[in-house]
Amino acid sequence: MSESLYPTRFGQLPIRDEQIWQCSLPLSGFADLQRFALLHVDKQGPFLWLQSLDDPLIAFLLCAPEHFGLHYDPPESSCADAVNMLLVILPQKAEDQLRVHQLAPLFFCPGQRSLRQWIVEQAQPASARGSDLPPDCLLAHAVRLSTPSDAASQTGSV
């Protein structure tokens, strides 16, 4: 189990081989990006960052579709533990709401640590509200980050 340091939007991070995800088909507009890590920042609730390991300036915010009242059937049955996630569009102004790319979800296969984007004609309504945390099967392969206030409070309590 080897670990390497990678530059990310959150600074240099140690990332283990089993935390690296391969993009089987290039993301639209990002043909050169193939290796990614999932980053979960404490207190960011259901959101994960999909950090490119090929370009440290590129990171996408993700969320489970159910959090936005949406559902997608997996595009293939070859992955028993498949998880769909949506790219979140960050608002330009404080009063704007979060939006997601509803027609281009990401399909994650945790057992293979692979992902790909697929295009759908429409999303289906979800039967249940999403969790306040990312899916467990993705968190198991994510790099967990503490917020600066968490690290300071942990240091102060020692």
N, C-alpha and C. Protein backbone atom coordinates (compact mmCIF):
# COMPACT_ATOMS: atom_id res chain seq x y z
N MET A 1 0.86 -1.17 0.00
CA MET A 1 0.00 0.00 0.00
C MET A 1 0.90 1.23 0.00
N SER A 2 1.11 1.85 -1.18
CA SER A 2 2.00 3.00 -1.21
C SER A 2 1.20 4.30 -1.17
N GLU A 3 1.90 5.35 -0.79
CA GLU A 3 1.29 6.66 -0.61
C GLU A 3 2.22 7.69 -1.23
N SER A 4 1.65 8.66 -1.93
CA SER A 4 2.43 9.73 -2.54
C SER A 4 1.79 11.06 -2.19
N LEU A 5 2.60 12.13 -2.23
CA LEU A 5 2.08 13.48 -2.03
C LEU A 5 1.65 14.05 -3.37
N TYR A 6 0.47 14.64 -3.39
CA TYR A 6 -0.07 15.26 -4.59
C TYR A 6 -0.45 16.70 -4.28
N PRO A 7 -0.17 17.64 -5.21
CA PRO A 7 -0.67 19.00 -5.04
C PRO A 7 -2.17 19.03 -5.35
N THR A 8 -2.96 19.70 -4.50
CA THR A 8 -4.40 19.80 -4.69
C THR A 8 -4.85 21.22 -4.38
N ARG A 9 -6.11 21.49 -4.56
CA ARG A 9 -6.65 22.82 -4.21
C ARG A 9 -6.59 23.05 -2.71
N PHE A 10 -6.36 21.99 -1.93
CA PHE A 10 -6.26 22.09 -0.47
C PHE A 10 -4.82 21.98 0.01
N GLY A 11 -3.86 22.12 -0.89
CA GLY A 11 -2.45 21.99 -0.56
C GLY A 11 -1.95 20.58 -0.86
N GLN A 12 -0.72 20.30 -0.48
CA GLN A 12 -0.14 18.96 -0.69
C GLN A 12 -0.86 17.96 0.21
N LEU A 13 -1.30 16.86 -0.37
CA LEU A 13 -2.00 15.83 0.41
C LEU A 13 -1.40 14.45 0.16
N PRO A 14 -1.25 13.66 1.23
CA PRO A 14 -0.84 12.27 1.02
C PRO A 14 -2.05 11.46 0.55
N ILE A 15 -1.89 10.78 -0.57
CA ILE A 15 -2.98 9.99 -1.14
C ILE A 15 -2.46 8.59 -1.42
N ARG A 16 -3.16 7.61 -0.87
CA ARG A 16 -2.77 6.21 -1.06
C ARG A 16 -3.26 5.70 -2.42
N ASP A 17 -2.58 4.69 -2.92
CA ASP A 17 -2.96 4.11 -4.22
C ASP A 17 -4.43 3.70 -4.26
N GLU A 18 -4.95 3.16 -3.16
CA GLU A 18 -6.34 2.70 -3.15
C GLU A 18 -7.35 3.85 -3.03
N GLN A 19 -6.86 5.09 -2.97
CA GLN A 19 -7.74 6.26 -2.97
C GLN A 19 -7.75 6.96 -4.33
N ILE A 20 -7.07 6.38 -5.30
CA ILE A 20 -7.00 6.96 -6.63
C ILE A 20 -8.05 6.30 -7.53
N TRP A 21 -8.82 7.13 -8.19
CA TRP A 21 -9.88 6.70 -9.10
C TRP A 21 -9.43 6.96 -10.53
N GLN A 22 -9.74 6.02 -11.42
CA GLN A 22 -9.41 6.16 -12.84
C GLN A 22 -10.68 6.52 -13.61
N CYS A 23 -10.56 7.52 -14.47
CA CYS A 23 -11.68 7.90 -15.33
C CYS A 23 -11.58 7.08 -16.61
N SER A 24 -12.52 6.17 -16.81
CA SER A 24 -12.43 5.23 -17.94
C SER A 24 -12.66 5.91 -19.29
N LEU A 25 -13.47 6.94 -19.32
CA LEU A 25 -13.67 7.77 -20.51
C LEU A 25 -13.47 9.21 -20.08
N PRO A 26 -12.82 10.04 -20.88
CA PRO A 26 -12.55 11.41 -20.45
C PRO A 26 -13.84 12.18 -20.13
N LEU A 27 -13.75 13.03 -19.11
CA LEU A 27 -14.86 13.93 -18.80
C LEU A 27 -14.96 14.95 -19.93
N SER A 28 -16.16 15.33 -20.27
CA SER A 28 -16.39 16.29 -21.34
C SER A 28 -15.60 17.58 -21.07
N GLY A 29 -14.73 17.93 -22.01
CA GLY A 29 -13.93 19.14 -21.87
C GLY A 29 -12.63 18.96 -21.10
N PHE A 30 -12.37 17.76 -20.59
CA PHE A 30 -11.17 17.51 -19.78
C PHE A 30 -10.51 16.20 -20.21
N ALA A 31 -10.17 16.10 -21.48
CA ALA A 31 -9.66 14.85 -22.06
C ALA A 31 -8.35 14.38 -21.43
N ASP A 32 -7.54 15.29 -20.90
CA ASP A 32 -6.24 14.91 -20.35
C ASP A 32 -6.30 14.45 -18.89
N LEU A 33 -7.45 14.54 -18.27
CA LEU A 33 -7.56 14.18 -16.85
C LEU A 33 -8.06 12.74 -16.72
N GLN A 34 -7.24 11.89 -16.12
CA GLN A 34 -7.62 10.49 -15.97
C GLN A 34 -7.59 10.01 -14.53
N ARG A 35 -6.76 10.63 -13.68
CA ARG A 35 -6.62 10.16 -12.29
C ARG A 35 -7.21 11.21 -11.35
N PHE A 36 -8.00 10.71 -10.39
CA PHE A 36 -8.69 11.60 -9.46
C PHE A 36 -8.64 11.02 -8.05
N ALA A 37 -8.86 11.90 -7.09
CA ALA A 37 -9.06 11.47 -5.70
C ALA A 37 -10.33 12.15 -5.21
N LEU A 38 -11.08 11.44 -4.38
CA LEU A 38 -12.25 12.02 -3.73
C LEU A 38 -11.79 12.61 -2.40
N LEU A 39 -12.15 13.86 -2.15
CA LEU A 39 -11.79 14.53 -0.91
C LEU A 39 -13.07 14.89 -0.17
N HIS A 40 -13.11 14.58 1.12
CA HIS A 40 -14.26 14.96 1.93
C HIS A 40 -13.78 15.89 3.03
N VAL A 41 -14.29 17.11 3.02
CA VAL A 41 -13.94 18.11 4.02
C VAL A 41 -14.99 18.05 5.12
N ASP A 42 -14.52 17.89 6.37
CA ASP A 42 -15.45 17.90 7.50
C ASP A 42 -16.33 19.14 7.42
N LYS A 43 -17.54 19.00 7.82
CA LYS A 43 -18.53 20.08 7.87
C LYS A 43 -18.99 20.55 6.50
N GLN A 44 -18.69 19.80 5.44
CA GLN A 44 -19.23 20.13 4.12
C GLN A 44 -20.37 19.18 3.76
N GLY A 45 -20.90 18.52 4.79
CA GLY A 45 -22.10 17.70 4.62
C GLY A 45 -22.01 16.66 3.53
N PRO A 46 -22.98 16.68 2.60
CA PRO A 46 -23.07 15.62 1.59
C PRO A 46 -22.11 15.79 0.42
N PHE A 47 -21.27 16.80 0.45
CA PHE A 47 -20.44 17.12 -0.70
C PHE A 47 -19.07 16.44 -0.65
N LEU A 48 -18.59 16.06 -1.82
CA LEU A 48 -17.24 15.54 -2.02
C LEU A 48 -16.57 16.37 -3.10
N TRP A 49 -15.26 16.48 -3.03
CA TRP A 49 -14.49 17.10 -4.10
C TRP A 49 -13.87 16.00 -4.94
N LEU A 50 -14.02 16.08 -6.25
CA LEU A 50 -13.34 15.18 -7.18
C LEU A 50 -12.11 15.95 -7.67
N GLN A 51 -10.98 15.67 -7.02
CA GLN A 51 -9.74 16.39 -7.29
C GLN A 51 -8.94 15.69 -8.38
N SER A 52 -8.60 16.42 -9.43
CA SER A 52 -7.73 15.86 -10.46
C SER A 52 -6.33 15.70 -9.90
N LEU A 53 -5.72 14.54 -10.13
CA LEU A 53 -4.33 14.33 -9.75
C LEU A 53 -3.41 14.62 -10.94
N ASP A 54 -4.00 14.88 -12.10
CA ASP A 54 -3.23 15.24 -13.28
C ASP A 54 -3.08 16.75 -13.43
N ASP A 55 -3.99 17.51 -12.83
CA ASP A 55 -3.93 18.98 -12.84
C ASP A 55 -4.45 19.48 -11.50
N PRO A 56 -3.56 19.94 -10.62
CA PRO A 56 -3.99 20.33 -9.27
C PRO A 56 -4.96 21.50 -9.22
N LEU A 57 -5.09 22.24 -10.30
CA LEU A 57 -6.02 23.38 -10.32
C LEU A 57 -7.46 22.96 -10.59
N ILE A 58 -7.66 21.70 -10.96
CA ILE A 58 -9.00 21.23 -11.33
C ILE A 58 -9.58 20.35 -10.23
N ALA A 59 -10.72 20.78 -9.70
CA ALA A 59 -11.47 19.99 -8.72
C ALA A 59 -12.95 20.30 -8.94
N PHE A 60 -13.76 19.27 -8.88
CA PHE A 60 -15.20 19.41 -9.09
C PHE A 60 -15.92 19.08 -7.79
N LEU A 61 -16.94 19.86 -7.47
CA LEU A 61 -17.76 19.58 -6.30
C LEU A 61 -18.86 18.60 -6.71
N LEU A 62 -19.05 17.54 -5.91
CA LEU A 62 -20.02 16.49 -6.20
C LEU A 62 -21.03 16.34 -5.09
N CYS A 63 -22.19 15.81 -5.44
CA CYS A 63 -23.22 15.51 -4.45
C CYS A 63 -24.10 14.38 -5.01
N ALA A 64 -24.65 13.58 -4.11
CA ALA A 64 -25.56 12.51 -4.53
C ALA A 64 -26.81 13.14 -5.15
N PRO A 65 -27.34 12.57 -6.22
CA PRO A 65 -28.51 13.15 -6.88
C PRO A 65 -29.73 13.23 -5.97
N GLU A 66 -29.88 12.28 -5.05
CA GLU A 66 -31.03 12.27 -4.14
C GLU A 66 -31.09 13.53 -3.28
N HIS A 67 -29.95 14.14 -3.02
CA HIS A 67 -29.92 15.37 -2.24
C HIS A 67 -30.66 16.51 -2.97
N PHE A 68 -30.73 16.40 -4.28
CA PHE A 68 -31.43 17.39 -5.09
C PHE A 68 -32.76 16.84 -5.62
N GLY A 69 -33.23 15.73 -5.03
CA GLY A 69 -34.51 15.15 -5.40
C GLY A 69 -34.50 14.40 -6.72
N LEU A 70 -33.32 13.91 -7.13
CA LEU A 70 -33.19 13.23 -8.41
C LEU A 70 -32.71 11.79 -8.23
N HIS A 71 -32.94 10.97 -9.25
CA HIS A 71 -32.50 9.57 -9.23
C HIS A 71 -32.12 9.16 -10.65
N TYR A 72 -31.11 8.30 -10.75
CA TYR A 72 -30.67 7.76 -12.04
C TYR A 72 -30.49 6.26 -11.90
N ASP A 73 -31.00 5.52 -12.87
CA ASP A 73 -30.69 4.09 -12.93
C ASP A 73 -29.28 3.96 -13.47
N PRO A 74 -28.50 3.02 -12.95
CA PRO A 74 -27.13 2.86 -13.45
C PRO A 74 -27.13 2.56 -14.95
N PRO A 75 -26.14 3.08 -15.69
CA PRO A 75 -26.10 2.87 -17.13
C PRO A 75 -25.72 1.45 -17.53
N GLU A 76 -25.18 0.67 -16.60
CA GLU A 76 -24.78 -0.70 -16.91
C GLU A 76 -24.90 -1.55 -15.66
N SER A 77 -25.01 -2.84 -15.85
CA SER A 77 -25.18 -3.72 -14.69
C SER A 77 -23.88 -4.42 -14.29
N SER A 78 -22.76 -4.07 -14.91
CA SER A 78 -21.50 -4.75 -14.62
C SER A 78 -20.89 -4.31 -13.29
N CYS A 79 -21.46 -3.32 -12.66
CA CYS A 79 -20.93 -2.81 -11.40
C CYS A 79 -22.03 -2.91 -10.34
N ALA A 80 -21.90 -3.90 -9.48
CA ALA A 80 -22.94 -4.17 -8.48
C ALA A 80 -23.07 -3.05 -7.45
N ASP A 81 -21.96 -2.36 -7.14
CA ASP A 81 -21.99 -1.32 -6.10
C ASP A 81 -21.96 0.09 -6.70
N ALA A 82 -22.57 0.26 -7.87
CA ALA A 82 -22.54 1.53 -8.59
C ALA A 82 -23.16 2.67 -7.80
N VAL A 83 -22.57 3.85 -7.95
CA VAL A 83 -23.06 5.07 -7.31
C VAL A 83 -23.03 6.19 -8.33
N ASN A 84 -24.13 6.92 -8.43
CA ASN A 84 -24.17 8.10 -9.29
C ASN A 84 -23.97 9.34 -8.44
N MET A 85 -23.24 10.29 -8.98
CA MET A 85 -23.04 11.57 -8.32
C MET A 85 -23.22 12.66 -9.37
N LEU A 86 -23.56 13.86 -8.90
CA LEU A 86 -23.76 14.99 -9.80
C LEU A 86 -22.69 16.05 -9.57
N LEU A 87 -22.31 16.71 -10.66
CA LEU A 87 -21.41 17.85 -10.57
C LEU A 87 -22.24 19.05 -10.12
N VAL A 88 -21.76 19.73 -9.10
CA VAL A 88 -22.47 20.89 -8.55
C VAL A 88 -21.92 22.15 -9.20
N ILE A 89 -22.82 23.02 -9.61
CA ILE A 89 -22.44 24.32 -10.17
C ILE A 89 -22.42 25.31 -9.02
N LEU A 90 -21.25 25.84 -8.73
CA LEU A 90 -21.14 26.79 -7.62
C LEU A 90 -21.75 28.13 -8.03
N PRO A 91 -22.52 28.74 -7.14
CA PRO A 91 -23.16 30.02 -7.47
C PRO A 91 -22.14 31.14 -7.63
N GLN A 92 -22.44 32.06 -8.53
CA GLN A 92 -21.57 33.21 -8.75
C GLN A 92 -21.82 34.31 -7.72
N LYS A 93 -23.05 34.36 -7.18
CA LYS A 93 -23.40 35.37 -6.18
C LYS A 93 -23.94 34.66 -4.94
N ALA A 94 -23.80 35.29 -3.80
CA ALA A 94 -24.23 34.69 -2.53
C ALA A 94 -25.72 34.36 -2.52
N GLU A 95 -26.53 35.15 -3.21
CA GLU A 95 -27.97 34.91 -3.19
C GLU A 95 -28.41 33.82 -4.19
N ASP A 96 -27.52 33.38 -5.06
CA ASP A 96 -27.86 32.32 -6.01
C ASP A 96 -27.89 30.97 -5.32
N GLN A 97 -28.71 30.06 -5.85
CA GLN A 97 -28.81 28.71 -5.29
C GLN A 97 -27.83 27.77 -5.98
N LEU A 98 -27.50 26.70 -5.26
CA LEU A 98 -26.69 25.65 -5.88
C LEU A 98 -27.52 24.97 -6.97
N ARG A 99 -26.86 24.66 -8.06
CA ARG A 99 -27.49 23.90 -9.14
C ARG A 99 -26.58 22.73 -9.48
N VAL A 100 -27.12 21.76 -10.20
CA VAL A 100 -26.33 20.59 -10.59
C VAL A 100 -26.49 20.33 -12.08
N HIS A 101 -25.51 19.64 -12.65
CA HIS A 101 -25.60 19.18 -14.03
C HIS A 101 -26.49 17.94 -14.05
N GLN A 102 -27.77 18.13 -14.27
CA GLN A 102 -28.74 17.04 -14.19
C GLN A 102 -28.61 16.02 -15.30
N LEU A 103 -28.09 16.42 -16.46
CA LEU A 103 -28.09 15.52 -17.61
C LEU A 103 -26.72 14.87 -17.87
N ALA A 104 -25.78 15.07 -16.96
CA ALA A 104 -24.44 14.48 -17.14
C ALA A 104 -23.91 13.96 -15.80
N PRO A 105 -24.58 12.96 -15.21
CA PRO A 105 -24.10 12.44 -13.92
C PRO A 105 -22.79 11.66 -14.09
N LEU A 106 -22.09 11.50 -12.98
CA LEU A 106 -20.89 10.66 -12.95
C LEU A 106 -21.28 9.32 -12.36
N PHE A 107 -20.76 8.27 -12.95
CA PHE A 107 -21.05 6.89 -12.55
C PHE A 107 -19.78 6.33 -11.90
N PHE A 108 -19.85 6.04 -10.60
CA PHE A 108 -18.70 5.52 -9.86
C PHE A 108 -18.88 4.02 -9.62
N CYS A 109 -17.80 3.28 -9.80
CA CYS A 109 -17.78 1.85 -9.49
C CYS A 109 -16.71 1.65 -8.41
N PRO A 110 -17.11 1.71 -7.11
CA PRO A 110 -16.14 1.66 -6.02
C PRO A 110 -15.25 0.42 -6.01
N GLY A 111 -15.77 -0.74 -6.37
CA GLY A 111 -14.97 -1.95 -6.37
C GLY A 111 -13.79 -1.89 -7.33
N GLN A 112 -13.95 -1.14 -8.40
CA GLN A 112 -12.89 -1.00 -9.41
C GLN A 112 -12.19 0.36 -9.31
N ARG A 113 -12.70 1.23 -8.44
CA ARG A 113 -12.22 2.60 -8.31
C ARG A 113 -12.15 3.28 -9.69
N SER A 114 -13.25 3.13 -10.42
CA SER A 114 -13.34 3.77 -11.73
C SER A 114 -14.57 4.67 -11.77
N LEU A 115 -14.52 5.63 -12.65
CA LEU A 115 -15.65 6.54 -12.83
C LEU A 115 -15.74 6.92 -14.29
N ARG A 116 -16.92 7.34 -14.67
CA ARG A 116 -17.11 7.89 -16.00
C ARG A 116 -18.35 8.77 -15.99
N GLN A 117 -18.40 9.67 -16.94
CA GLN A 117 -19.56 10.54 -17.08
C GLN A 117 -20.46 9.93 -18.14
N TRP A 118 -21.74 10.07 -17.94
CA TRP A 118 -22.68 9.60 -18.96
C TRP A 118 -23.76 10.65 -19.15
N ILE A 119 -24.36 10.63 -20.30
CA ILE A 119 -25.36 11.63 -20.67
C ILE A 119 -26.74 10.97 -20.65
N VAL A 120 -27.69 11.64 -20.02
CA VAL A 120 -29.07 11.15 -19.97
C VAL A 120 -29.98 12.20 -20.58
N GLU A 121 -31.17 11.78 -20.98
CA GLU A 121 -32.13 12.72 -21.54
C GLU A 121 -32.91 13.44 -20.46
N GLN A 122 -33.13 12.75 -19.33
CA GLN A 122 -33.79 13.39 -18.20
C GLN A 122 -33.53 12.60 -16.93
N ALA A 123 -33.57 13.29 -15.82
CA ALA A 123 -33.43 12.65 -14.52
C ALA A 123 -34.80 12.22 -14.04
N GLN A 124 -34.81 11.22 -13.17
CA GLN A 124 -36.07 10.76 -12.57
C GLN A 124 -36.17 11.36 -11.17
N PRO A 125 -37.39 11.59 -10.68
CA PRO A 125 -37.52 12.07 -9.30
C PRO A 125 -37.11 10.98 -8.32
N ALA A 126 -36.46 11.37 -7.25
CA ALA A 126 -36.04 10.42 -6.22
C ALA A 126 -37.21 10.07 -5.33
N SER A 127 -37.22 8.84 -4.84
CA SER A 127 -38.30 8.41 -3.94
C SER A 127 -38.00 8.79 -2.49
N ALA A 128 -36.75 9.12 -2.19
CA ALA A 128 -36.38 9.51 -0.83
C ALA A 128 -35.36 10.63 -0.88
N ARG A 129 -35.31 11.39 0.19
CA ARG A 129 -34.34 12.49 0.31
C ARG A 129 -32.95 11.91 0.56
N GLY A 130 -31.94 12.59 0.06
CA GLY A 130 -30.57 12.13 0.23
C GLY A 130 -30.06 12.31 1.65
N SER A 131 -28.98 11.63 1.94
CA SER A 131 -28.33 11.68 3.24
C SER A 131 -27.59 13.01 3.41
N ASP A 132 -27.26 13.32 4.66
CA ASP A 132 -26.47 14.51 4.94
C ASP A 132 -24.98 14.25 4.80
N LEU A 133 -24.61 13.03 4.40
CA LEU A 133 -23.22 12.66 4.15
C LEU A 133 -23.12 12.01 2.78
N PRO A 134 -21.92 12.01 2.18
CA PRO A 134 -21.76 11.29 0.91
C PRO A 134 -21.98 9.79 1.11
N PRO A 135 -22.22 9.06 0.03
CA PRO A 135 -22.41 7.60 0.14
C PRO A 135 -21.21 6.92 0.82
N ASP A 136 -21.49 5.99 1.72
CA ASP A 136 -20.44 5.29 2.46
C ASP A 136 -19.43 4.61 1.56
N CYS A 137 -19.89 4.01 0.46
CA CYS A 137 -18.97 3.28 -0.41
C CYS A 137 -17.98 4.22 -1.10
N LEU A 138 -18.31 5.51 -1.23
CA LEU A 138 -17.35 6.48 -1.76
C LEU A 138 -16.47 7.03 -0.64
N LEU A 139 -17.06 7.27 0.52
CA LEU A 139 -16.27 7.76 1.66
C LEU A 139 -15.17 6.78 2.04
N ALA A 140 -15.41 5.49 1.84
CA ALA A 140 -14.41 4.47 2.17
C ALA A 140 -13.14 4.65 1.35
N HIS A 141 -13.25 5.30 0.18
CA HIS A 141 -12.09 5.51 -0.70
C HIS A 141 -11.73 6.99 -0.79
N ALA A 142 -12.20 7.81 0.13
CA ALA A 142 -11.96 9.25 0.08
C ALA A 142 -10.87 9.66 1.06
N VAL A 143 -10.21 10.76 0.74
CA VAL A 143 -9.25 11.38 1.64
C VAL A 143 -10.06 12.31 2.53
N ARG A 144 -9.95 12.14 3.83
CA ARG A 144 -10.72 12.96 4.77
C ARG A 144 -9.88 14.15 5.22
N LEU A 145 -10.47 15.33 5.15
CA LEU A 145 -9.78 16.56 5.53
C LEU A 145 -10.54 17.24 6.65
N SER A 146 -9.81 17.78 7.60
CA SER A 146 -10.42 18.57 8.67
C SER A 146 -10.37 20.03 8.29
N THR A 147 -11.34 20.79 8.76
CA THR A 147 -11.31 22.23 8.55
C THR A 147 -10.30 22.82 9.53
N PRO A 148 -9.73 24.00 9.23
CA PRO A 148 -8.74 24.59 10.13
C PRO A 148 -9.24 24.75 11.56
N SER A 149 -10.50 25.10 11.76
CA SER A 149 -11.03 25.27 13.12
C SER A 149 -11.07 23.93 13.85
N ASP A 150 -11.34 22.82 13.12
CA ASP A 150 -11.33 21.50 13.73
C ASP A 150 -9.93 21.13 14.20
N ALA A 151 -8.93 21.41 13.37
CA ALA A 151 -7.55 21.07 13.73
C ALA A 151 -7.11 21.88 14.94
N ALA A 152 -7.50 23.16 14.99
CA ALA A 152 -7.11 24.01 16.12
C ALA A 152 -7.77 23.54 17.40
N SER A 153 -9.03 23.13 17.33
CA SER A 153 -9.71 22.68 18.54
C SER A 153 -9.15 21.34 19.01
N GLN A 154 -8.72 20.49 18.07
CA GLN A 154 -8.11 19.22 18.47
C GLN A 154 -6.75 19.46 19.11
N THR A 155 -5.98 20.42 18.58
CA THR A 155 -4.68 20.73 19.14
C THR A 155 -4.82 21.33 20.53
N GLY A 156 -5.81 22.20 20.72
CA GLY A 156 -6.01 22.86 22.00
C GLY A 156 -6.47 21.91 23.09
N SER A 157 -7.07 20.79 22.71
CA SER A 157 -7.60 19.88 23.73
C SER A 157 -6.58 18.84 24.18
N VAL A 158 -5.41 18.81 23.56
CA VAL A 158 -4.40 17.81 23.92
C VAL A 158 -3.66 18.21 25.16
